[in-house]
């Protein structure tokens, strides 16, 4: 089995989706016409998607953290400095790691909802594909 999509509820679909488009470079997929709420689907590559959709009164979990719920993404190490600049320019907060690792990674909190993300060196030794 492989990963198909993740869903991110939000009260601001446009701002949330725009953040991921501007920082991580995701592009939009068509949303099916039978979707009953405002939504945007983003292409993560390799057939994987992120579905951002409106939920009235939504609030992110207070347990978003390194040792709580978070989304981990592989990204080329060579682009880490530029990615950090894009994230900061769009209002993300870089967060120090709690657990050191033998490979490069960093964490950030997304500015619209407070979702927590980990960015991991895509070429780290021992990576399983």
C-alpha atoms as a PDB file:
ATOM      1  CA  UNK A   1       0.000   0.000   0.000  1.00  0.00           C
ATOM      2  CA  UNK A   2       1.215   3.511  -0.696  1.00  0.00           C
ATOM      3  CA  UNK A   3       0.239   6.917   0.620  1.00  0.00           C
ATOM      4  CA  UNK A   4      -2.592   8.600  -1.342  1.00  0.00           C
ATOM      5  CA  UNK A   5      -3.393  11.908   0.383  1.00  0.00           C
ATOM      6  CA  UNK A   6      -3.593  13.799   3.628  1.00  0.00           C
ATOM      7  CA  UNK A   7      -6.320  16.214   4.594  1.00  0.00           C
ATOM      8  CA  UNK A   8      -5.815  19.576   6.259  1.00  0.00           C
ATOM      9  CA  UNK A   9      -8.965  21.283   7.485  1.00  0.00           C
ATOM     10  CA  UNK A  10      -8.849  25.060   7.800  1.00  0.00           C
ATOM     11  CA  UNK A  11     -11.020  28.138   8.141  1.00  0.00           C
ATOM     12  CA  UNK A  12      -9.054  29.800   5.301  1.00  0.00           C
ATOM     13  CA  UNK A  13      -8.603  27.504   2.292  1.00  0.00           C
ATOM     14  CA  UNK A  14      -7.049  30.189   0.088  1.00  0.00           C
ATOM     15  CA  UNK A  15      -4.366  31.341   2.526  1.00  0.00           C
ATOM     16  CA  UNK A  16      -3.513  27.799   3.611  1.00  0.00           C
ATOM     17  CA  UNK A  17      -3.159  26.521   0.041  1.00  0.00           C
ATOM     18  CA  UNK A  18      -1.259  29.619  -1.055  1.00  0.00           C
ATOM     19  CA  UNK A  19       1.283  29.094   1.730  1.00  0.00           C
ATOM     20  CA  UNK A  20       2.086  25.584   0.466  1.00  0.00           C
ATOM     21  CA  UNK A  21       2.185  26.699  -3.154  1.00  0.00           C
ATOM     22  CA  UNK A  22       4.597  29.575  -2.410  1.00  0.00           C
ATOM     23  CA  UNK A  23       6.891  27.731  -0.004  1.00  0.00           C
ATOM     24  CA  UNK A  24       6.897  24.065  -1.034  1.00  0.00           C
ATOM     25  CA  UNK A  25       6.046  24.608  -4.691  1.00  0.00           C
ATOM     26  CA  UNK A  26       2.936  22.443  -4.765  1.00  0.00           C
ATOM     27  CA  UNK A  27       0.539  22.927  -7.669  1.00  0.00           C
ATOM     28  CA  UNK A  28      -3.229  22.583  -7.713  1.00  0.00           C
ATOM     29  CA  UNK A  29      -5.213  19.583  -8.864  1.00  0.00           C
ATOM     30  CA  UNK A  30      -8.821  19.830 -10.020  1.00  0.00           C
ATOM     31  CA  UNK A  31     -11.308  19.299  -7.192  1.00  0.00           C
ATOM     32  CA  UNK A  32     -14.215  16.943  -7.978  1.00  0.00           C
ATOM     33  CA  UNK A  33     -17.518  18.709  -8.544  1.00  0.00           C
ATOM     34  CA  UNK A  34     -19.202  16.662  -5.820  1.00  0.00           C
ATOM     35  CA  UNK A  35     -17.066  18.169  -3.028  1.00  0.00           C
ATOM     36  CA  UNK A  36     -19.627  19.767  -0.666  1.00  0.00           C
ATOM     37  CA  UNK A  37     -17.284  22.365   0.909  1.00  0.00           C
ATOM     38  CA  UNK A  38     -14.720  24.882  -0.307  1.00  0.00           C
ATOM     39  CA  UNK A  39     -11.578  22.877  -1.066  1.00  0.00           C
ATOM     40  CA  UNK A  40      -8.305  22.906  -2.974  1.00  0.00           C
ATOM     41  CA  UNK A  41      -6.264  19.832  -3.794  1.00  0.00           C
ATOM     42  CA  UNK A  42      -2.498  20.129  -4.044  1.00  0.00           C
ATOM     43  CA  UNK A  43      -0.133  17.813  -5.921  1.00  0.00           C
ATOM     44  CA  UNK A  44       2.690  16.591  -3.653  1.00  0.00           C
ATOM     45  CA  UNK A  45       4.250  14.545  -6.456  1.00  0.00           C
ATOM     46  CA  UNK A  46       4.400  10.796  -7.088  1.00  0.00           C
ATOM     47  CA  UNK A  47       0.612  10.599  -7.126  1.00  0.00           C
ATOM     48  CA  UNK A  48       0.289  11.955  -3.592  1.00  0.00           C
ATOM     49  CA  UNK A  49      -2.017  14.829  -2.700  1.00  0.00           C
ATOM     50  CA  UNK A  50      -2.866  17.272   0.075  1.00  0.00           C
ATOM     51  CA  UNK A  51      -6.557  18.152   0.368  1.00  0.00           C
ATOM     52  CA  UNK A  52      -7.162  21.523   2.028  1.00  0.00           C
ATOM     53  CA  UNK A  53     -10.808  22.080   2.893  1.00  0.00           C
ATOM     54  CA  UNK A  54     -13.016  24.435   4.864  1.00  0.00           C
ATOM     55  CA  UNK A  55     -14.339  23.461   8.305  1.00  0.00           C
ATOM     56  CA  UNK A  56     -16.345  26.072  10.180  1.00  0.00           C
ATOM     57  CA  UNK A  57     -14.743  26.864  13.552  1.00  0.00           C
ATOM     58  CA  UNK A  58     -11.738  24.596  12.921  1.00  0.00           C
ATOM     59  CA  UNK A  59      -8.827  24.794  15.360  1.00  0.00           C
ATOM     60  CA  UNK A  60      -5.623  22.813  15.035  1.00  0.00           C
ATOM     61  CA  UNK A  61      -4.740  20.293  17.752  1.00  0.00           C
ATOM     62  CA  UNK A  62      -2.741  21.656  20.686  1.00  0.00           C
ATOM     63  CA  UNK A  63      -0.536  18.546  20.263  1.00  0.00           C
ATOM     64  CA  UNK A  64       1.180  19.670  17.045  1.00  0.00           C
ATOM     65  CA  UNK A  65       4.902  19.155  17.780  1.00  0.00           C
ATOM     66  CA  UNK A  66       7.946  17.004  17.143  1.00  0.00           C
ATOM     67  CA  UNK A  67       6.581  14.414  19.576  1.00  0.00           C
ATOM     68  CA  UNK A  68       2.955  15.031  18.724  1.00  0.00           C
ATOM     69  CA  UNK A  69       1.126  15.129  15.435  1.00  0.00           C
ATOM     70  CA  UNK A  70       3.157  16.480  12.541  1.00  0.00           C
ATOM     71  CA  UNK A  71       3.714  15.945   8.833  1.00  0.00           C
ATOM     72  CA  UNK A  72       7.206  14.871   7.719  1.00  0.00           C
ATOM     73  CA  UNK A  73       8.357  15.572   4.167  1.00  0.00           C
ATOM     74  CA  UNK A  74      11.536  14.682   2.286  1.00  0.00           C
ATOM     75  CA  UNK A  75      13.234  17.631   0.596  1.00  0.00           C
ATOM     76  CA  UNK A  76      16.642  18.099  -1.101  1.00  0.00           C
ATOM     77  CA  UNK A  77      19.249  19.214   1.416  1.00  0.00           C
ATOM     78  CA  UNK A  78      20.763  21.677  -1.053  1.00  0.00           C
ATOM     79  CA  UNK A  79      17.496  23.661  -0.990  1.00  0.00           C
ATOM     80  CA  UNK A  80      17.176  23.819   2.824  1.00  0.00           C
ATOM     81  CA  UNK A  81      18.516  27.405   3.099  1.00  0.00           C
ATOM     82  CA  UNK A  82      16.245  28.703   0.320  1.00  0.00           C
ATOM     83  CA  UNK A  83      13.259  26.794   1.706  1.00  0.00           C
ATOM     84  CA  UNK A  84      13.817  28.291   5.154  1.00  0.00           C
ATOM     85  CA  UNK A  85      13.893  31.767   3.568  1.00  0.00           C
ATOM     86  CA  UNK A  86      10.612  31.087   1.711  1.00  0.00           C
ATOM     87  CA  UNK A  87       8.991  29.763   4.884  1.00  0.00           C
ATOM     88  CA  UNK A  88      10.042  32.780   6.951  1.00  0.00           C
ATOM     89  CA  UNK A  89       8.970  35.193   4.196  1.00  0.00           C
ATOM     90  CA  UNK A  90       5.486  33.647   4.291  1.00  0.00           C
ATOM     91  CA  UNK A  91       5.213  33.848   8.094  1.00  0.00           C
ATOM     92  CA  UNK A  92       6.219  30.347   9.195  1.00  0.00           C
ATOM     93  CA  UNK A  93       8.018  29.836  12.490  1.00  0.00           C
ATOM     94  CA  UNK A  94      11.166  27.684  12.481  1.00  0.00           C
ATOM     95  CA  UNK A  95      11.223  25.427  15.555  1.00  0.00           C
ATOM     96  CA  UNK A  96      14.311  23.850  17.134  1.00  0.00           C
ATOM     97  CA  UNK A  97      14.454  20.067  17.220  1.00  0.00           C
ATOM     98  CA  UNK A  98      14.192  18.185  20.507  1.00  0.00           C
ATOM     99  CA  UNK A  99      15.902  14.983  19.353  1.00  0.00           C
ATOM    100  CA  UNK A 100      19.167  15.308  17.426  1.00  0.00           C
ATOM    101  CA  UNK A 101      19.633  13.011  14.429  1.00  0.00           C
ATOM    102  CA  UNK A 102      22.623  11.959  12.313  1.00  0.00           C
ATOM    103  CA  UNK A 103      20.938  13.479   9.252  1.00  0.00           C
ATOM    104  CA  UNK A 104      19.794  17.013   8.480  1.00  0.00           C
ATOM    105  CA  UNK A 105      16.221  18.053   9.200  1.00  0.00           C
ATOM    106  CA  UNK A 106      14.291  20.983  10.579  1.00  0.00           C
ATOM    107  CA  UNK A 107      10.808  21.824  11.828  1.00  0.00           C
ATOM    108  CA  UNK A 108       8.401  24.648  11.136  1.00  0.00           C
ATOM    109  CA  UNK A 109       4.959  25.761  12.232  1.00  0.00           C
ATOM    110  CA  UNK A 110       2.676  26.778   9.356  1.00  0.00           C
ATOM    111  CA  UNK A 111       1.351  30.319   9.972  1.00  0.00           C
ATOM    112  CA  UNK A 112      -2.330  30.075   9.002  1.00  0.00           C
ATOM    113  CA  UNK A 113      -3.462  27.187  11.221  1.00  0.00           C
ATOM    114  CA  UNK A 114      -0.414  26.193  13.279  1.00  0.00           C
ATOM    115  CA  UNK A 115       0.201  22.823  11.618  1.00  0.00           C
ATOM    116  CA  UNK A 116       3.633  21.386  12.467  1.00  0.00           C
ATOM    117  CA  UNK A 117       5.959  20.078   9.729  1.00  0.00           C
ATOM    118  CA  UNK A 118       9.289  18.284   9.662  1.00  0.00           C
ATOM    119  CA  UNK A 119      11.550  18.649   6.631  1.00  0.00           C
ATOM    120  CA  UNK A 120      14.009  15.755   6.223  1.00  0.00           C
ATOM    121  CA  UNK A 121      17.036  15.461   3.942  1.00  0.00           C
ATOM    122  CA  UNK A 122      15.762  13.511   0.934  1.00  0.00           C
ATOM    123  CA  UNK A 123      19.155  11.852   0.451  1.00  0.00           C
ATOM    124  CA  UNK A 124      19.850  10.919   4.057  1.00  0.00           C
ATOM    125  CA  UNK A 125      21.752   7.657   4.525  1.00  0.00           C
ATOM    126  CA  UNK A 126      19.509   4.705   5.297  1.00  0.00           C
ATOM    127  CA  UNK A 127      16.403   6.211   3.727  1.00  0.00           C
ATOM    128  CA  UNK A 128      13.920   3.526   2.755  1.00  0.00           C
ATOM    129  CA  UNK A 129      12.060   4.152  -0.497  1.00  0.00           C
END
